[in-house]
């Protein structure tokens, strides 16, 4: 058994990592670390874990060495403490944005400040298994992924890699949990309920991950907050250098994702769920991808959906950990979701 501890276990992503690891066949959960909740039972903060664990949160000062340390800390904290944290585990997986970008200049452009530890950037493998599976095997350090970036990257990759894309216009609709567990004016119920709020029409930081992973092409990205708790629905309008038949698009996506354990192509002829739908993915590590071909313009509309807290955060981290340690890649990630939910 491998001992895994979680620093930042009181947050939404940290709580989901804890939920997944408690059911992992090869993992023993070590410590659940939280500065604000130290001493309290984990189930007080994560009531879904009541009766599942008797763990108490411990303070950061009590953090002990473990085989794997998952870090679900606020932006910038991991990078500022990386020399210290790297000595507390054999392997680190950082769910924050601190080590997702390999280029210090890109980090400064998108995050508005120099990286606190640029010498560490090239030590981290970007933790999206569908793109970096071989590099993750045996790796010591891995980053987390941006949920919006993951939905967009998995939606666009087959077409972009074909070389046929001239530009793409992408919008994601996201649930409130993307904002984290700390409340704000934007998440206050009277302000959030019933609203559809464009909060990042341009300049969203996750776009940096898209350009890094897909290549620098003409990509326009916007994000809209909608009234749901979990989920990302990505709608990408992809313009090609020449029209593509539906069978050719099918071929590209099957070739890319046919053997992937957690990417499903969803394009049904009938029924309510003909295209990807975040609602049926809550709690799962799946990303569903579908498409429609506009025969009049040659445009391909690609849709993807995922749970931002699982495939967009903790689930990808567990999948990444499995690869790093040589476990079954799908271990601990078999939950199929609920319907109706």
Protein backbone atom coordinates (compact mmCIF):
# COMPACT_ATOMS: atom_id res chain seq x y z
CA UNK A 1 0.00 0.00 0.00
CA UNK A 2 1.09 3.55 -0.75
CA UNK A 3 0.50 6.32 1.79
CA UNK A 4 -0.99 9.47 0.29
CA UNK A 5 -1.56 12.69 2.21
CA UNK A 6 -3.53 15.73 1.06
CA UNK A 7 -2.51 19.28 1.96
CA UNK A 8 -5.55 21.50 1.48
CA UNK A 9 -8.00 18.68 2.16
CA UNK A 10 -10.76 20.97 3.43
CA UNK A 11 -11.39 22.56 0.01
CA UNK A 12 -13.60 21.19 -2.73
CA UNK A 13 -10.82 19.68 -4.85
CA UNK A 14 -9.00 18.37 -1.78
CA UNK A 15 -12.23 16.82 -0.51
CA UNK A 16 -12.81 15.08 -3.82
CA UNK A 17 -9.25 13.76 -3.80
CA UNK A 18 -9.90 12.38 -0.32
CA UNK A 19 -13.17 10.75 -1.44
CA UNK A 20 -11.47 9.04 -4.36
CA UNK A 21 -8.42 7.91 -2.42
CA UNK A 22 -10.49 6.36 0.38
CA UNK A 23 -11.81 3.86 -2.19
CA UNK A 24 -8.50 3.30 -3.96
CA UNK A 25 -7.38 -0.35 -3.69
CA UNK A 26 -3.68 0.49 -3.47
CA UNK A 27 -3.77 3.58 -1.22
CA UNK A 28 -3.84 4.26 2.47
CA UNK A 29 -4.79 7.85 3.22
CA UNK A 30 -2.23 9.34 5.57
CA UNK A 31 -3.00 12.89 6.68
CA UNK A 32 -5.70 15.37 5.71
CA UNK A 33 -4.06 18.74 6.24
CA UNK A 34 -5.93 22.00 6.75
CA UNK A 35 -4.84 25.18 8.45
CA UNK A 36 -8.40 26.38 9.12
CA UNK A 37 -9.97 23.04 10.12
CA UNK A 38 -7.18 21.42 12.17
CA UNK A 39 -8.53 19.17 14.91
CA UNK A 40 -11.98 18.70 13.40
CA UNK A 41 -13.23 15.44 11.96
CA UNK A 42 -13.06 15.33 8.17
CA UNK A 43 -16.77 14.48 7.91
CA UNK A 44 -17.72 17.79 9.57
CA UNK A 45 -16.47 19.59 6.44
CA UNK A 46 -17.18 16.79 3.96
CA UNK A 47 -20.44 15.25 5.24
CA UNK A 48 -20.55 12.73 2.38
CA UNK A 49 -17.64 10.99 4.13
CA UNK A 50 -19.55 10.50 7.40
CA UNK A 51 -19.04 6.90 8.50
CA UNK A 52 -16.45 6.38 5.76
CA UNK A 53 -13.46 7.74 7.68
CA UNK A 54 -12.57 8.82 11.22
CA UNK A 55 -9.73 11.01 10.05
CA UNK A 56 -9.25 14.39 11.65
CA UNK A 57 -7.68 17.34 9.90
CA UNK A 58 -4.16 18.14 11.08
CA UNK A 59 -2.36 21.47 10.92
CA UNK A 60 0.43 22.11 8.40
CA UNK A 61 2.95 22.00 11.25
CA UNK A 62 2.00 18.34 11.81
CA UNK A 63 2.53 17.26 8.22
CA UNK A 64 4.70 14.14 8.08
CA UNK A 65 6.58 12.44 5.26
CA UNK A 66 4.45 10.30 2.92
CA UNK A 67 4.88 8.39 -0.31
CA UNK A 68 2.71 10.84 -2.25
CA UNK A 69 1.65 14.34 -1.28
CA UNK A 70 -1.26 15.93 -3.12
CA UNK A 71 -1.33 19.70 -2.84
CA UNK A 72 -4.64 21.54 -3.14
CA UNK A 73 -3.45 24.93 -1.97
CA UNK A 74 -4.34 28.50 -3.00
CA UNK A 75 -2.63 29.98 -6.03
CA UNK A 76 1.06 30.69 -5.45
CA UNK A 77 1.47 28.88 -2.12
CA UNK A 78 2.95 25.67 -3.52
CA UNK A 79 5.46 27.56 -5.64
CA UNK A 80 6.60 29.68 -2.71
CA UNK A 81 7.10 26.58 -0.54
CA UNK A 82 8.24 24.06 -3.13
CA UNK A 83 11.73 23.49 -1.69
CA UNK A 84 10.21 22.62 1.68
CA UNK A 85 7.29 20.58 0.33
CA UNK A 86 9.44 18.52 -2.03
CA UNK A 87 11.21 17.03 0.97
CA UNK A 88 7.98 15.75 2.52
CA UNK A 89 7.14 13.05 -0.01
CA UNK A 90 8.65 10.83 -2.65
CA UNK A 91 6.22 12.24 -5.21
CA UNK A 92 4.26 15.49 -5.43
CA UNK A 93 1.08 16.21 -7.36
CA UNK A 94 0.11 19.87 -7.29
CA UNK A 95 -3.52 20.60 -8.12
CA UNK A 96 -3.00 24.37 -8.25
CA UNK A 97 -1.95 26.34 -11.32
CA UNK A 98 1.59 26.94 -10.04
CA UNK A 99 3.39 24.37 -12.19
CA UNK A 100 1.09 23.86 -15.16
CA UNK A 101 3.05 26.12 -17.50
CA UNK A 102 6.57 25.17 -18.54
CA UNK A 103 7.55 28.64 -19.79
CA UNK A 104 8.26 31.31 -17.13
CA UNK A 105 7.45 34.05 -19.65
CA UNK A 106 4.02 32.53 -20.33
CA UNK A 107 3.37 32.33 -16.59
CA UNK A 108 4.22 35.99 -16.14
CA UNK A 109 2.05 37.00 -19.10
CA UNK A 110 -1.05 35.14 -17.92
CA UNK A 111 -0.64 35.48 -14.15
CA UNK A 112 0.72 39.00 -14.08
CA UNK A 113 3.81 38.30 -11.96
CA UNK A 114 7.12 36.44 -12.23
CA UNK A 115 7.01 32.79 -11.20
CA UNK A 116 8.25 32.33 -7.60
CA UNK A 117 10.30 29.23 -8.49
CA UNK A 118 11.02 29.19 -12.24
CA UNK A 119 13.83 26.66 -11.82
CA UNK A 120 11.19 24.07 -10.85
CA UNK A 121 8.92 24.45 -13.87
CA UNK A 122 10.64 21.91 -16.10
CA UNK A 123 10.58 19.28 -13.35
CA UNK A 124 6.80 18.99 -13.45
CA UNK A 125 4.90 16.92 -16.01
CA UNK A 126 1.55 18.40 -17.03
CA UNK A 127 -0.96 16.05 -15.42
CA UNK A 128 -3.30 15.30 -18.30
CA UNK A 129 -2.81 11.56 -18.95
CA UNK A 130 -4.43 11.66 -22.41
CA UNK A 131 -1.60 13.97 -23.54
CA UNK A 132 1.37 12.95 -21.37
CA UNK A 133 0.86 9.33 -20.39
CA UNK A 134 4.39 8.15 -21.17
CA UNK A 135 6.05 11.10 -19.42
CA UNK A 136 3.94 10.55 -16.29
CA UNK A 137 5.02 6.94 -15.86
CA UNK A 138 7.58 7.02 -13.06
CA UNK A 139 7.56 10.82 -12.80
CA UNK A 140 8.29 12.39 -9.42
CA UNK A 141 6.46 15.70 -9.92
CA UNK A 142 3.19 16.34 -11.73
CA UNK A 143 0.97 19.37 -12.04
CA UNK A 144 -2.77 19.51 -11.88
CA UNK A 145 -4.91 20.67 -14.80
CA UNK A 146 -7.30 23.55 -15.34
CA UNK A 147 -10.85 22.27 -15.67
CA UNK A 148 -11.72 24.63 -18.54
CA UNK A 149 -8.42 23.82 -20.22
CA UNK A 150 -9.06 20.08 -19.93
CA UNK A 151 -12.53 20.35 -21.45
CA UNK A 152 -11.17 22.48 -24.31
CA UNK A 153 -8.00 20.51 -24.91
CA UNK A 154 -9.79 17.19 -25.11
CA UNK A 155 -12.49 18.69 -27.34
CA UNK A 156 -10.08 20.21 -29.84
CA UNK A 157 -7.04 17.92 -29.89
CA UNK A 158 -8.07 15.49 -32.67
CA UNK A 159 -8.94 18.30 -35.09
CA UNK A 160 -5.97 20.50 -34.18
CA UNK A 161 -3.55 17.61 -34.57
CA UNK A 162 -4.92 16.92 -38.04
CA UNK A 163 -3.58 20.30 -39.13
CA UNK A 164 -6.92 21.35 -40.59
CA UNK A 165 -7.91 24.02 -38.04
CA UNK A 166 -7.59 27.65 -38.99
CA UNK A 167 -9.23 29.07 -35.86
CA UNK A 168 -11.53 28.11 -33.00
CA UNK A 169 -14.01 30.08 -30.93
CA UNK A 170 -14.68 28.42 -27.58
CA UNK A 171 -17.11 29.16 -24.77
CA UNK A 172 -17.39 27.19 -21.54
CA UNK A 173 -20.34 27.28 -19.17
CA UNK A 174 -19.23 26.46 -15.64
CA UNK A 175 -20.74 25.70 -12.26
CA UNK A 176 -20.18 27.64 -9.05
CA UNK A 177 -17.75 25.12 -7.50
CA UNK A 178 -15.15 26.30 -10.01
CA UNK A 179 -14.77 29.36 -7.77
CA UNK A 180 -13.63 27.24 -4.82
CA UNK A 181 -15.00 26.81 -1.33
CA UNK A 182 -14.47 30.39 -0.18
CA UNK A 183 -17.57 32.50 -0.71
CA UNK A 184 -17.60 35.87 -2.43
CA UNK A 185 -20.09 38.40 -3.72
CA UNK A 186 -20.29 36.53 -7.01
CA UNK A 187 -21.19 33.28 -5.26
CA UNK A 188 -23.72 34.79 -2.84
CA UNK A 189 -26.97 32.93 -3.54
CA UNK A 190 -29.19 35.96 -4.35
CA UNK A 191 -26.58 37.14 -6.85
CA UNK A 192 -25.77 33.74 -8.35
CA UNK A 193 -29.21 32.13 -8.52
CA UNK A 194 -30.94 32.48 -11.87
CA UNK A 195 -27.97 34.24 -13.45
CA UNK A 196 -25.81 33.51 -16.47
CA UNK A 197 -22.80 35.73 -15.98
CA UNK A 198 -19.96 36.19 -18.42
CA UNK A 199 -17.02 36.48 -16.03
CA UNK A 200 -14.12 36.05 -18.45
CA UNK A 201 -15.05 37.07 -22.00
CA UNK A 202 -11.31 37.38 -22.71
CA UNK A 203 -8.06 36.69 -20.92
CA UNK A 204 -8.96 33.59 -18.90
CA UNK A 205 -5.78 32.10 -17.43
CA UNK A 206 -6.66 28.57 -18.50
CA UNK A 207 -6.14 29.69 -22.09
CA UNK A 208 -2.41 29.52 -21.40
CA UNK A 209 -2.72 25.76 -20.87
CA UNK A 210 -4.66 25.39 -24.10
CA UNK A 211 -2.00 27.16 -26.12
CA UNK A 212 0.77 25.21 -24.41
CA UNK A 213 -0.86 21.84 -25.03
CA UNK A 214 -2.46 22.42 -28.44
CA UNK A 215 0.05 24.80 -29.98
CA UNK A 216 -0.17 28.51 -30.63
CA UNK A 217 -3.02 29.00 -33.10
CA UNK A 218 -5.95 31.41 -33.39
CA UNK A 219 -7.98 30.48 -30.34
CA UNK A 220 -10.70 32.70 -28.88
CA UNK A 221 -11.98 31.70 -25.43
CA UNK A 222 -14.73 32.92 -23.11
CA UNK A 223 -16.17 31.63 -19.84
CA UNK A 224 -19.71 32.01 -18.49
CA UNK A 225 -20.99 31.15 -15.01
CA UNK A 226 -24.36 29.37 -14.98
CA UNK A 227 -26.63 28.08 -12.24
CA UNK A 228 -25.22 24.66 -11.47
CA UNK A 229 -22.75 23.52 -8.82
CA UNK A 230 -20.55 21.06 -10.69
CA UNK A 231 -19.72 20.84 -14.32
CA UNK A 232 -18.17 22.35 -17.43
CA UNK A 233 -19.82 22.36 -20.83
CA UNK A 234 -17.47 23.42 -23.60
CA UNK A 235 -18.85 24.48 -26.99
CA UNK A 236 -16.14 25.01 -29.61
CA UNK A 237 -16.80 26.42 -33.07
CA UNK A 238 -13.94 25.06 -35.14
CA UNK A 239 -13.19 26.50 -38.57
CA UNK A 240 -11.22 24.33 -40.99
CA UNK A 241 -9.10 25.14 -44.00
CA UNK A 242 -11.48 23.00 -46.05
CA UNK A 243 -14.76 21.19 -45.25
CA UNK A 244 -14.59 17.77 -43.60
CA UNK A 245 -17.13 14.99 -43.89
CA UNK A 246 -18.75 13.65 -40.71
CA UNK A 247 -17.17 10.23 -41.26
CA UNK A 248 -13.73 11.86 -41.35
CA UNK A 249 -14.37 13.69 -38.08
CA UNK A 250 -15.54 10.41 -36.55
CA UNK A 251 -12.32 8.78 -37.72
CA UNK A 252 -10.15 11.46 -36.10
CA UNK A 253 -11.91 11.21 -32.73
CA UNK A 254 -11.98 7.41 -32.70
CA UNK A 255 -8.30 7.25 -33.54
CA UNK A 256 -7.46 9.70 -30.76
CA UNK A 257 -9.77 8.43 -28.01
CA UNK A 258 -10.82 4.91 -28.96
CA UNK A 259 -8.60 3.34 -26.28
CA UNK A 260 -8.86 6.07 -23.65
CA UNK A 261 -10.42 4.85 -20.38
CA UNK A 262 -11.97 8.20 -19.47
CA UNK A 263 -12.85 9.92 -22.75
CA UNK A 264 -16.12 8.87 -24.39
CA UNK A 265 -17.42 9.98 -27.77
CA UNK A 266 -21.08 10.90 -27.35
CA UNK A 267 -23.10 11.45 -30.50
CA UNK A 268 -26.47 9.72 -30.45
CA UNK A 269 -29.21 9.79 -33.07
CA UNK A 270 -32.02 10.09 -30.53
CA UNK A 271 -32.82 10.60 -26.87
CA UNK A 272 -32.29 13.46 -24.43
CA UNK A 273 -28.54 12.97 -24.12
CA UNK A 274 -27.43 13.04 -27.73
CA UNK A 275 -24.45 15.24 -26.89
CA UNK A 276 -22.24 15.65 -23.81
CA UNK A 277 -24.10 16.73 -20.66
CA UNK A 278 -22.32 17.72 -17.41
CA UNK A 279 -25.24 16.62 -15.24
CA UNK A 280 -24.67 12.91 -15.86
CA UNK A 281 -20.93 13.25 -15.17
CA UNK A 282 -21.10 14.59 -11.61
CA UNK A 283 -18.63 12.71 -9.44
CA UNK A 284 -17.03 10.87 -12.37
CA UNK A 285 -13.64 11.04 -14.03
CA UNK A 286 -15.09 10.97 -17.55
CA UNK A 287 -14.87 13.64 -20.19
CA UNK A 288 -17.56 13.17 -22.84
CA UNK A 289 -16.87 14.63 -26.29
CA UNK A 290 -19.29 15.03 -29.19
CA UNK A 291 -19.55 17.02 -32.40
CA UNK A 292 -21.82 18.23 -35.19
CA UNK A 293 -20.71 19.11 -38.71
CA UNK A 294 -22.20 22.18 -40.36
CA UNK A 295 -22.42 21.09 -43.98
CA UNK A 296 -23.15 24.61 -45.25
CA UNK A 297 -20.02 26.30 -43.89
CA UNK A 298 -17.58 23.48 -43.10
CA UNK A 299 -17.63 24.49 -39.45
CA UNK A 300 -17.40 21.70 -36.86
CA UNK A 301 -19.06 22.34 -33.51
CA UNK A 302 -17.35 20.25 -30.85
CA UNK A 303 -18.85 19.84 -27.38
CA UNK A 304 -17.26 18.38 -24.28
CA UNK A 305 -18.43 17.98 -20.71
CA UNK A 306 -16.82 17.02 -17.42
CA UNK A 307 -17.04 17.44 -13.67
CA UNK A 308 -14.69 20.32 -12.88
CA UNK A 309 -13.83 18.87 -9.45
CA UNK A 310 -13.03 15.37 -10.72
CA UNK A 311 -11.78 15.10 -14.31
CA UNK A 312 -10.99 18.80 -14.07
CA UNK A 313 -9.03 18.44 -10.81
CA UNK A 314 -8.91 15.58 -8.29
CA UNK A 315 -9.78 12.75 -10.67
CA UNK A 316 -7.05 13.66 -13.12
CA UNK A 317 -4.68 13.89 -10.15
CA UNK A 318 -5.55 10.34 -9.06
CA UNK A 319 -5.29 9.09 -12.66
CA UNK A 320 -1.91 10.80 -12.88
CA UNK A 321 -0.81 9.24 -9.57
CA UNK A 322 -1.76 5.80 -10.88
CA UNK A 323 0.54 6.27 -13.86
CA UNK A 324 3.38 7.66 -11.74
CA UNK A 325 3.26 4.62 -9.45
CA UNK A 326 2.57 1.91 -12.02
CA UNK A 327 -0.97 1.15 -10.81
CA UNK A 328 -3.94 0.35 -13.00
CA UNK A 329 -4.68 3.75 -14.54
CA UNK A 330 -8.37 3.48 -13.70
CA UNK A 331 -7.90 2.38 -10.08
CA UNK A 332 -10.21 4.22 -7.71
CA UNK A 333 -11.99 5.99 -10.55
CA UNK A 334 -14.77 3.60 -11.52
CA UNK A 335 -17.79 5.59 -10.33
CA UNK A 336 -20.14 5.84 -13.36
CA UNK A 337 -22.24 8.79 -12.18
CA UNK A 338 -25.95 8.99 -11.38
CA UNK A 339 -29.04 9.25 -13.51
CA UNK A 340 -31.30 10.92 -12.73
CA UNK A 341 -29.21 13.25 -10.62
